[in-house]
C-alpha atoms as a PDB file:
ATOM      1  CA  MET A   1     120.087  96.332  55.996  1.00  0.00           C
ATOM      2  CA  THR A   2     117.804  97.568  53.192  1.00  0.00           C
ATOM      3  CA  CYS A   3     115.725  95.228  51.059  1.00  0.00           C
ATOM      4  CA  GLU A   4     114.551  95.918  47.492  1.00  0.00           C
ATOM      5  CA  THR A   5     111.225  97.320  48.689  1.00  0.00           C
ATOM      6  CA  GLY A   6     112.965 100.041  50.705  1.00  0.00           C
ATOM      7  CA  TRP A   7     112.225  98.570  54.120  1.00  0.00           C
ATOM      8  CA  VAL A   8     115.094  98.689  56.620  1.00  0.00           C
ATOM      9  CA  HIS A   9     115.482  95.841  59.104  1.00  0.00           C
ATOM     10  CA  VAL A  10     116.796  96.651  62.576  1.00  0.00           C
ATOM     11  CA  THR A  11     117.040  94.786  65.833  1.00  0.00           C
ATOM     12  CA  LYS A  12     116.581  96.353  69.229  1.00  0.00           C
ATOM     13  CA  HIS A  13     118.762  95.432  72.201  1.00  0.00           C
ATOM     14  CA  GLU A  14     119.338  96.677  75.730  1.00  0.00           C
ATOM     15  CA  GLY A  15     122.114  96.472  78.282  1.00  0.00           C
ATOM     16  CA  ALA A  16     121.071  97.487  81.808  1.00  0.00           C
ATOM     17  CA  GLY A  17     118.233  99.495  80.257  1.00  0.00           C
ATOM     18  CA  ASN A  18     120.496 101.357  77.816  1.00  0.00           C
ATOM     19  CA  ASP A  19     118.661 100.550  74.561  1.00  0.00           C
ATOM     20  CA  PHE A  20     119.861 100.713  70.961  1.00  0.00           C
ATOM     21  CA  LEU A  21     118.590 100.077  67.460  1.00  0.00           C
ATOM     22  CA  VAL A  22     121.131  98.034  65.484  1.00  0.00           C
ATOM     23  CA  VAL A  23     121.236  97.857  61.700  1.00  0.00           C
ATOM     24  CA  LEU A  24     123.513  95.505  59.760  1.00  0.00           C
ATOM     25  CA  ASP A  25     125.426  97.152  56.933  1.00  0.00           C
ATOM     26  CA  PRO A  26     128.262  94.780  55.953  1.00  0.00           C
ATOM     27  CA  ASP A  27     128.511  96.394  52.496  1.00  0.00           C
ATOM     28  CA  ASP A  28     128.844  99.906  53.974  1.00  0.00           C
ATOM     29  CA  ALA A  29     125.974 101.078  51.758  1.00  0.00           C
ATOM     30  CA  LEU A  30     123.375 102.469  54.174  1.00  0.00           C
ATOM     31  CA  ARG A  31     123.336 106.124  55.172  1.00  0.00           C
ATOM     32  CA  LEU A  32     120.746 107.562  57.526  1.00  0.00           C
ATOM     33  CA  SER A  33     120.443 111.288  58.173  1.00  0.00           C
ATOM     34  CA  GLY A  34     120.349 112.857  61.596  1.00  0.00           C
ATOM     35  CA  ASP A  35     116.654 113.659  61.088  1.00  0.00           C
ATOM     36  CA  GLN A  36     115.895 110.036  60.237  1.00  0.00           C
ATOM     37  CA  ILE A  37     117.758 108.747  63.270  1.00  0.00           C
ATOM     38  CA  ARG A  38     116.076 111.265  65.570  1.00  0.00           C
ATOM     39  CA  LEU A  39     112.701 110.027  64.297  1.00  0.00           C
ATOM     40  CA  LEU A  40     113.590 106.348  64.669  1.00  0.00           C
ATOM     41  CA  CYS A  41     114.842 106.915  68.230  1.00  0.00           C
ATOM     42  CA  ASN A  42     111.802 109.001  69.219  1.00  0.00           C
ATOM     43  CA  ARG A  43     109.857 107.109  71.853  1.00  0.00           C
ATOM     44  CA  ARG A  44     106.438 108.302  70.665  1.00  0.00           C
ATOM     45  CA  ARG A  45     106.713 108.819  66.915  1.00  0.00           C
ATOM     46  CA  GLY A  46     109.406 106.239  66.203  1.00  0.00           C
ATOM     47  CA  VAL A  47     110.650 102.972  67.640  1.00  0.00           C
ATOM     48  CA  GLY A  48     112.428 104.532  70.605  1.00  0.00           C
ATOM     49  CA  ALA A  49     116.054 104.118  71.694  1.00  0.00           C
ATOM     50  CA  ASP A  50     119.009 105.909  73.267  1.00  0.00           C
ATOM     51  CA  GLY A  51     120.840 105.652  69.948  1.00  0.00           C
ATOM     52  CA  LEU A  52     121.302 103.814  66.666  1.00  0.00           C
ATOM     53  CA  ILE A  53     124.283 101.588  65.819  1.00  0.00           C
ATOM     54  CA  ARG A  54     125.262 100.712  62.271  1.00  0.00           C
ATOM     55  CA  ILE A  55     127.461  97.612  61.969  1.00  0.00           C
ATOM     56  CA  GLY A  56     129.806  98.148  59.043  1.00  0.00           C
ATOM     57  CA  PRO A  57     132.606  96.058  57.544  1.00  0.00           C
ATOM     58  CA  GLY A  58     135.731  95.397  59.542  1.00  0.00           C
ATOM     59  CA  ARG A  59     138.714  97.729  59.324  1.00  0.00           C
ATOM     60  CA  ASP A  60     142.105  98.014  61.022  1.00  0.00           C
ATOM     61  CA  GLY A  61     142.138  94.271  61.722  1.00  0.00           C
ATOM     62  CA  ALA A  62     138.677  94.253  63.316  1.00  0.00           C
ATOM     63  CA  ALA A  63     135.893  91.886  62.283  1.00  0.00           C
ATOM     64  CA  VAL A  64     133.277  94.670  62.137  1.00  0.00           C
ATOM     65  CA  SER A  65     133.019  98.420  62.660  1.00  0.00           C
ATOM     66  CA  MET A  66     130.646 100.321  64.932  1.00  0.00           C
ATOM     67  CA  TYR A  67     129.080 103.631  63.920  1.00  0.00           C
ATOM     68  CA  LEU A  68     127.049 105.142  66.737  1.00  0.00           C
ATOM     69  CA  VAL A  69     124.595 108.039  66.581  1.00  0.00           C
ATOM     70  CA  ASN A  70     122.829 109.381  69.665  1.00  0.00           C
ATOM     71  CA  ALA A  71     119.070 109.839  69.896  1.00  0.00           C
ATOM     72  CA  ASP A  72     119.445 113.530  69.039  1.00  0.00           C
ATOM     73  CA  GLY A  73     121.283 112.762  65.785  1.00  0.00           C
ATOM     74  CA  SER A  74     124.775 113.591  67.058  1.00  0.00           C
ATOM     75  CA  THR A  75     127.632 111.150  66.630  1.00  0.00           C
ATOM     76  CA  ALA A  76     129.383 109.490  69.561  1.00  0.00           C
ATOM     77  CA  GLU A  77     132.868 108.034  69.863  1.00  0.00           C
ATOM     78  CA  MET A  78     132.016 105.082  72.062  1.00  0.00           C
ATOM     79  CA  SER A  79     129.326 103.413  74.167  1.00  0.00           C
ATOM     80  CA  GLY A  80     130.127 100.538  76.465  1.00  0.00           C
ATOM     81  CA  ASN A  81     126.563  99.252  76.535  1.00  0.00           C
ATOM     82  CA  GLY A  82     126.147 100.017  72.840  1.00  0.00           C
ATOM     83  CA  ILE A  83     129.114  97.884  71.811  1.00  0.00           C
ATOM     84  CA  ARG A  84     127.856  95.082  74.064  1.00  0.00           C
ATOM     85  CA  CYS A  85     124.492  95.244  72.249  1.00  0.00           C
ATOM     86  CA  LEU A  86     126.361  95.266  68.934  1.00  0.00           C
ATOM     87  CA  ALA A  87     128.107  92.074  70.031  1.00  0.00           C
ATOM     88  CA  GLN A  88     124.819  90.244  70.442  1.00  0.00           C
ATOM     89  CA  ALA A  89     123.493  91.480  67.096  1.00  0.00           C
ATOM     90  CA  ALA A  90     126.710  90.631  65.252  1.00  0.00           C
ATOM     91  CA  VAL A  91     126.886  87.123  66.742  1.00  0.00           C
ATOM     92  CA  ASP A  92     123.202  86.472  65.954  1.00  0.00           C
ATOM     93  CA  ALA A  93     123.784  87.570  62.347  1.00  0.00           C
ATOM     94  CA  GLY A  94     126.891  85.430  61.927  1.00  0.00           C
ATOM     95  CA  LEU A  95     129.112  88.436  61.224  1.00  0.00           C
ATOM     96  CA  VAL A  96     131.548  87.473  63.982  1.00  0.00           C
ATOM     97  CA  SER A  97     132.631  84.277  65.686  1.00  0.00           C
ATOM     98  CA  PRO A  98     132.321  84.178  69.475  1.00  0.00           C
ATOM     99  CA  PRO A  99     133.525  84.083  72.108  1.00  0.00           C
ATOM    100  CA  THR A 100     136.014  86.889  71.360  1.00  0.00           C
ATOM    101  CA  PHE A 101     136.377  89.285  68.430  1.00  0.00           C
ATOM    102  CA  LEU A 102     137.560  92.804  67.568  1.00  0.00           C
ATOM    103  CA  VAL A 103     135.315  95.793  66.849  1.00  0.00           C
ATOM    104  CA  ARG A 104     136.535  99.049  65.346  1.00  0.00           C
ATOM    105  CA  THR A 105     134.998 102.166  66.920  1.00  0.00           C
ATOM    106  CA  ALA A 106     135.641 105.876  66.601  1.00  0.00           C
ATOM    107  CA  GLY A 107     137.488 105.538  69.912  1.00  0.00           C
ATOM    108  CA  GLY A 108     139.762 102.751  68.669  1.00  0.00           C
ATOM    109  CA  VAL A 109     139.663  98.978  68.195  1.00  0.00           C
ATOM    110  CA  ARG A 110     138.069  97.128  71.111  1.00  0.00           C
ATOM    111  CA  THR A 111     138.150  93.464  72.145  1.00  0.00           C
ATOM    112  CA  VAL A 112     134.671  92.131  72.844  1.00  0.00           C
ATOM    113  CA  ALA A 113     133.582  88.811  74.352  1.00  0.00           C
ATOM    114  CA  PHE A 114     130.067  87.373  74.100  1.00  0.00           C
ATOM    115  CA  VAL A 115     128.459  84.305  75.632  1.00  0.00           C
ATOM    116  CA  ALA A 116     124.851  83.372  74.870  1.00  0.00           C
ATOM    117  CA  GLY A 117     122.588  83.019  77.883  1.00  0.00           C
ATOM    118  CA  GLU A 118     120.491  80.042  78.866  1.00  0.00           C
ATOM    119  CA  GLU A 119     117.279  81.906  78.048  1.00  0.00           C
ATOM    120  CA  PRO A 120     116.499  82.886  74.422  1.00  0.00           C
ATOM    121  CA  GLY A 121     117.470  86.467  73.646  1.00  0.00           C
ATOM    122  CA  TRP A 122     119.780  86.835  76.619  1.00  0.00           C
ATOM    123  CA  GLY A 123     123.542  86.954  76.701  1.00  0.00           C
ATOM    124  CA  ARG A 124     126.496  88.360  78.584  1.00  0.00           C
ATOM    125  CA  ALA A 125     129.039  90.602  76.931  1.00  0.00           C
ATOM    126  CA  SER A 126     132.247  92.221  78.101  1.00  0.00           C
ATOM    127  CA  VAL A 127     134.409  94.781  76.358  1.00  0.00           C
ATOM    128  CA  ASP A 128     137.918  96.128  76.704  1.00  0.00           C
ATOM    129  CA  MET A 129     137.162  99.818  77.182  1.00  0.00           C
ATOM    130  CA  GLY A 130     140.732 101.023  76.915  1.00  0.00           C
ATOM    131  CA  ALA A 131     142.283 103.152  79.631  1.00  0.00           C
ATOM    132  CA  ALA A 132     140.233 105.539  81.734  1.00  0.00           C
ATOM    133  CA  THR A 133     142.271 108.740  81.704  1.00  0.00           C
ATOM    134  CA  LEU A 134     141.876 110.923  84.778  1.00  0.00           C
ATOM    135  CA  GLY A 135     141.785 114.655  84.121  1.00  0.00           C
ATOM    136  CA  GLU A 136     141.577 117.707  86.335  1.00  0.00           C
ATOM    137  CA  GLU A 137     139.531 117.928  89.494  1.00  0.00           C
ATOM    138  CA  PRO A 138     137.657 121.175  88.853  1.00  0.00           C
ATOM    139  CA  GLY A 139     136.855 123.426  91.764  1.00  0.00           C
ATOM    140  CA  ALA A 140     134.497 126.343  91.633  1.00  0.00           C
ATOM    141  CA  GLU A 141     135.938 127.426  88.318  1.00  0.00           C
ATOM    142  CA  SER A 142     137.075 125.653  85.158  1.00  0.00           C
ATOM    143  CA  GLY A 143     139.041 128.125  83.083  1.00  0.00           C
ATOM    144  CA  SER A 144     137.062 131.368  83.223  1.00  0.00           C
ATOM    145  CA  VAL A 145     133.672 129.641  83.556  1.00  0.00           C
ATOM    146  CA  ALA A 146     132.191 129.006  87.006  1.00  0.00           C
ATOM    147  CA  ILE A 147     130.759 125.503  87.391  1.00  0.00           C
ATOM    148  CA  ASP A 148     128.321 124.788  90.205  1.00  0.00           C
ATOM    149  CA  VAL A 149     128.803 121.153  91.258  1.00  0.00           C
ATOM    150  CA  ASP A 150     126.476 121.490  94.272  1.00  0.00           C
ATOM    151  CA  GLY A 151     129.252 120.930  96.789  1.00  0.00           C
ATOM    152  CA  ARG A 152     130.235 117.591  95.307  1.00  0.00           C
ATOM    153  CA  ARG A 153     133.723 116.420  94.545  1.00  0.00           C
ATOM    154  CA  ALA A 154     134.281 116.525  90.789  1.00  0.00           C
ATOM    155  CA  ARG A 155     136.649 114.882  88.323  1.00  0.00           C
ATOM    156  CA  HIS A 156     137.047 114.912  84.567  1.00  0.00           C
ATOM    157  CA  VAL A 157     137.614 111.444  83.095  1.00  0.00           C
ATOM    158  CA  SER A 158     138.046 110.338  79.483  1.00  0.00           C
ATOM    159  CA  VAL A 159     136.982 106.846  78.386  1.00  0.00           C
ATOM    160  CA  GLY A 160     137.274 107.581  74.691  1.00  0.00           C
ATOM    161  CA  ASN A 161     134.552 110.163  75.365  1.00  0.00           C
ATOM    162  CA  PRO A 162     134.362 112.923  77.996  1.00  0.00           C
ATOM    163  CA  HIS A 163     132.872 112.555  81.489  1.00  0.00           C
ATOM    164  CA  LEU A 164     132.383 114.680  84.580  1.00  0.00           C
ATOM    165  CA  VAL A 165     132.047 112.484  87.675  1.00  0.00           C
ATOM    166  CA  LEU A 166     130.420 114.033  90.757  1.00  0.00           C
ATOM    167  CA  LEU A 167     130.764 112.339  94.150  1.00  0.00           C
ATOM    168  CA  GLY A 168     128.334 113.117  96.962  1.00  0.00           C
ATOM    169  CA  SER A 169     125.342 111.888  98.922  1.00  0.00           C
ATOM    170  CA  GLY A 170     121.679 111.979  97.918  1.00  0.00           C
ATOM    171  CA  VAL A 171     122.121 110.812  94.347  1.00  0.00           C
ATOM    172  CA  ALA A 172     118.507 109.621  94.143  1.00  0.00           C
ATOM    173  CA  ALA A 173     117.235 113.135  94.886  1.00  0.00           C
ATOM    174  CA  VAL A 174     119.242 114.956  92.186  1.00  0.00           C
ATOM    175  CA  ASP A 175     117.101 116.728  89.590  1.00  0.00           C
ATOM    176  CA  ILE A 176     119.096 115.466  86.632  1.00  0.00           C
ATOM    177  CA  ALA A 177     116.731 116.927  84.037  1.00  0.00           C
ATOM    178  CA  GLU A 178     117.667 120.369  85.386  1.00  0.00           C
ATOM    179  CA  SER A 179     121.287 119.842  86.452  1.00  0.00           C
ATOM    180  CA  GLY A 180     122.416 117.840  83.411  1.00  0.00           C
ATOM    181  CA  PRO A 181     121.814 120.534  80.771  1.00  0.00           C
ATOM    182  CA  LYS A 182     123.252 123.236  83.043  1.00  0.00           C
ATOM    183  CA  LEU A 183     126.520 121.379  83.488  1.00  0.00           C
ATOM    184  CA  GLN A 184     126.705 120.288  79.856  1.00  0.00           C
ATOM    185  CA  ALA A 185     126.295 123.906  78.749  1.00  0.00           C
ATOM    186  CA  HIS A 186     129.809 124.665  80.057  1.00  0.00           C
ATOM    187  CA  TYR A 187     131.335 122.234  77.535  1.00  0.00           C
ATOM    188  CA  PRO A 188     131.085 123.228  73.846  1.00  0.00           C
ATOM    189  CA  GLU A 189     131.573 119.620  72.685  1.00  0.00           C
ATOM    190  CA  GLY A 190     129.159 118.303  75.309  1.00  0.00           C
ATOM    191  CA  ILE A 191     129.926 116.004  78.223  1.00  0.00           C
ATOM    192  CA  ASN A 192     128.477 113.019  80.061  1.00  0.00           C
ATOM    193  CA  VAL A 193     127.789 113.670  83.743  1.00  0.00           C
ATOM    194  CA  GLU A 194     127.663 110.975  86.436  1.00  0.00           C
ATOM    195  CA  TRP A 195     126.384 111.504  89.978  1.00  0.00           C
ATOM    196  CA  ILE A 196     127.742 108.754  92.257  1.00  0.00           C
ATOM    197  CA  GLU A 197     127.797 107.642  95.881  1.00  0.00           C
ATOM    198  CA  LEU A 198     128.981 104.537  97.721  1.00  0.00           C
ATOM    199  CA  ALA A 199     126.251 102.105  98.799  1.00  0.00           C
ATOM    200  CA  LYS A 200     126.041  98.592 100.233  1.00  0.00           C
ATOM    201  CA  ASP A 201     123.866  95.509  99.848  1.00  0.00           C
ATOM    202  CA  ALA A 202     124.073  91.842 100.869  1.00  0.00           C
ATOM    203  CA  ASP A 203     126.906  91.301  98.384  1.00  0.00           C
ATOM    204  CA  GLY A 204     128.998  94.183  99.678  1.00  0.00           C
ATOM    205  CA  GLU A 205     129.784  97.719  98.523  1.00  0.00           C
ATOM    206  CA  PHE A 206     128.892  99.141  95.144  1.00  0.00           C
ATOM    207  CA  ILE A 207     128.752 102.494  93.387  1.00  0.00           C
ATOM    208  CA  ALA A 208     125.259 103.895  92.905  1.00  0.00           C
ATOM    209  CA  LEU A 209     125.148 105.972  89.721  1.00  0.00           C
ATOM    210  CA  ARG A 210     122.775 108.196  87.812  1.00  0.00           C
ATOM    211  CA  VAL A 211     123.760 109.740  84.506  1.00  0.00           C
ATOM    212  CA  TRP A 212     123.066 112.517  82.045  1.00  0.00           C
ATOM    213  CA  GLU A 213     124.369 111.556  78.601  1.00  0.00           C
ATOM    214  CA  ARG A 214     125.131 114.097  75.920  1.00  0.00           C
ATOM    215  CA  GLY A 215     122.849 113.474  72.979  1.00  0.00           C
ATOM    216  CA  ALA A 216     120.383 111.378  74.970  1.00  0.00           C
ATOM    217  CA  GLY A 217     119.614 113.063  78.322  1.00  0.00           C
ATOM    218  CA  GLU A 218     119.079 110.959  81.424  1.00  0.00           C
ATOM    219  CA  THR A 219     119.392 107.268  80.592  1.00  0.00           C
ATOM    220  CA  LEU A 220     118.962 104.054  82.559  1.00  0.00           C
ATOM    221  CA  ALA A 221     122.634 103.150  82.193  1.00  0.00           C
ATOM    222  CA  CYS A 222     125.957 104.292  80.783  1.00  0.00           C
ATOM    223  CA  GLY A 223     128.833 101.887  80.211  1.00  0.00           C
ATOM    224  CA  THR A 224     131.584 104.443  79.686  1.00  0.00           C
ATOM    225  CA  GLY A 225     130.122 106.407  82.606  1.00  0.00           C
ATOM    226  CA  SER A 226     130.355 103.350  84.840  1.00  0.00           C
ATOM    227  CA  VAL A 227     134.042 102.983  83.942  1.00  0.00           C
ATOM    228  CA  ALA A 228     134.663 106.698  84.539  1.00  0.00           C
ATOM    229  CA  ALA A 229     132.895 106.492  87.906  1.00  0.00           C
ATOM    230  CA  ALA A 230     134.935 103.482  89.032  1.00  0.00           C
ATOM    231  CA  ALA A 231     138.208 105.097  87.968  1.00  0.00           C
ATOM    232  CA  ALA A 232     137.444 108.370  89.770  1.00  0.00           C
ATOM    233  CA  ALA A 233     136.213 106.549  92.903  1.00  0.00           C
ATOM    234  CA  ARG A 234     139.409 104.503  93.094  1.00  0.00           C
ATOM    235  CA  ASP A 235     141.558 107.602  92.667  1.00  0.00           C
ATOM    236  CA  TRP A 236     139.641 109.315  95.473  1.00  0.00           C
ATOM    237  CA  GLY A 237     140.117 106.257  97.701  1.00  0.00           C
ATOM    238  CA  VAL A 238     136.379 105.575  97.940  1.00  0.00           C
ATOM    239  CA  ILE A 239     136.961 102.021  96.664  1.00  0.00           C
ATOM    240  CA  ASP A 240     140.146  99.994  96.397  1.00  0.00           C
ATOM    241  CA  GLY A 241     139.316  98.735  92.890  1.00  0.00           C
ATOM    242  CA  SER A 242     141.315  95.513  93.272  1.00  0.00           C
ATOM    243  CA  ASP A 243     138.255  93.388  92.483  1.00  0.00           C
ATOM    244  CA  PRO A 244     135.554  93.989  89.875  1.00  0.00           C
ATOM    245  CA  VAL A 245     133.685  97.130  90.883  1.00  0.00           C
ATOM    246  CA  ARG A 246     129.916  96.814  90.883  1.00  0.00           C
ATOM    247  CA  VAL A 247     128.232  99.916  89.500  1.00  0.00           C
ATOM    248  CA  HIS A 248     124.477 100.086  89.957  1.00  0.00           C
ATOM    249  CA  ASN A 249     122.839 101.994  87.145  1.00  0.00           C
ATOM    250  CA  PRO A 250     119.083 102.655  87.373  1.00  0.00           C
ATOM    251  CA  GLY A 251     118.587  99.943  84.739  1.00  0.00           C
ATOM    252  CA  GLY A 252     120.745  97.291  86.391  1.00  0.00           C
ATOM    253  CA  MET A 253     124.148  96.308  87.719  1.00  0.00           C
ATOM    254  CA  LEU A 254     127.308  96.456  85.620  1.00  0.00           C
ATOM    255  CA  GLU A 255     130.812  95.290  86.544  1.00  0.00           C
ATOM    256  CA  VAL A 256     134.003  97.250  85.903  1.00  0.00           C
ATOM    257  CA  THR A 257     137.442  95.672  86.213  1.00  0.00           C
ATOM    258  CA  LEU A 258     140.053  98.413  86.386  1.00  0.00           C
ATOM    259  CA  GLY A 259     143.621  98.059  85.205  1.00  0.00           C
ATOM    260  CA  ALA A 260     146.308  97.683  87.856  1.00  0.00           C
ATOM    261  CA  SER A 261     147.827 101.044  86.965  1.00  0.00           C
ATOM    262  CA  ALA A 262     147.132 104.166  84.913  1.00  0.00           C
ATOM    263  CA  GLY A 263     147.124 103.381  81.217  1.00  0.00           C
ATOM    264  CA  ASP A 264     145.927  99.799  81.667  1.00  0.00           C
ATOM    265  CA  PRO A 265     142.589  98.996  79.988  1.00  0.00           C
ATOM    266  CA  ALA A 266     139.381  98.629  81.954  1.00  0.00           C
ATOM    267  CA  VAL A 267     136.817  95.921  81.187  1.00  0.00           C
ATOM    268  CA  LEU A 268     133.051  96.474  81.310  1.00  0.00           C
ATOM    269  CA  ALA A 269     130.754  93.452  81.687  1.00  0.00           C
ATOM    270  CA  GLY A 270     127.064  92.768  82.094  1.00  0.00           C
ATOM    271  CA  PRO A 271     123.960  91.186  80.586  1.00  0.00           C
ATOM    272  CA  VAL A 272     122.460  92.120  77.219  1.00  0.00           C
ATOM    273  CA  ARG A 273     119.018  91.285  75.869  1.00  0.00           C
ATOM    274  CA  LYS A 274     117.502  91.259  72.409  1.00  0.00           C
ATOM    275  CA  ILE A 275     114.106  92.938  72.480  1.00  0.00           C
ATOM    276  CA  ALA A 276     112.757  92.768  68.938  1.00  0.00           C
ATOM    277  CA  ASP A 277     113.210  92.435  65.204  1.00  0.00           C
ATOM    278  CA  ILE A 278     111.744  95.468  63.462  1.00  0.00           C
ATOM    279  CA  ASP A 279     111.126  96.335  59.812  1.00  0.00           C
ATOM    280  CA  ILE A 280     111.097 100.105  59.331  1.00  0.00           C
ATOM    281  CA  HIS A 281     108.467 101.326  56.866  1.00  0.00           C
ATOM    282  CA  PRO A 282     109.996 103.219  53.914  1.00  0.00           C
ATOM    283  CA  GLY A 283     107.745 106.174  54.702  1.00  0.00           C
ATOM    284  CA  MET A 284     109.692 106.860  57.892  1.00  0.00           C
ATOM    285  CA  LEU A 285     112.883 107.247  55.904  1.00  0.00           C
ATOM    286  CA  SER A 286     111.603 109.317  52.993  1.00  0.00           C
END
């Protein structure tokens, strides 16, 4: 939202460490360039975030619309943690009425639920992510391009955006800063890559995940990636998927409830937290 002096007010939120700047634009009047968003998301010269979300007016029967731009200035179809952060910002601003409302995204209209937490700034949000569509299981080659998956089992999955899920041991030791760009280079439109393995704690089994996100690099969490990982793991028989699947991202635990059959929507749930209210100096946007 822009005031008469040219300052832009944003709020910053995070879901499992996946952080976003959120700007309210109910009149659909604000436009930020890719350069401006890259600067705002820069963690040294700007505010710092994995992406920026603009909340626009509702369309297609939804209460509000989500426009998401990655930290590198590229647009994204969908973010599970991003839309959960949007939910908190929209509820706080009175743009939507909890507990349940519809949000229009580039990946379709999504049903979102939000419940405020007991502590100020905290909440829990869940979102209907749509169906996780399983694609091919690439071997050594995909088309005419050889893809080195380091001996891991691989699967393409779409959750409104593209994913490559890699199953194997030693996830913590993967050099994602090196492997992520190499794998992404094989996909002209970019791809999100998840390295996963099955782990166990006092509460039972869970999927341990690390992720390389197109447009952001390695992040602390990925909502769509968590859904893609759960769907691929169930198809491989690693988990049964009958109960909510716990997916441990480096930034925290998320829960994925898969549909009973292919084509049924998956639901992503987890905590969200408001970090700050920020007024952006006009000089950053000139």
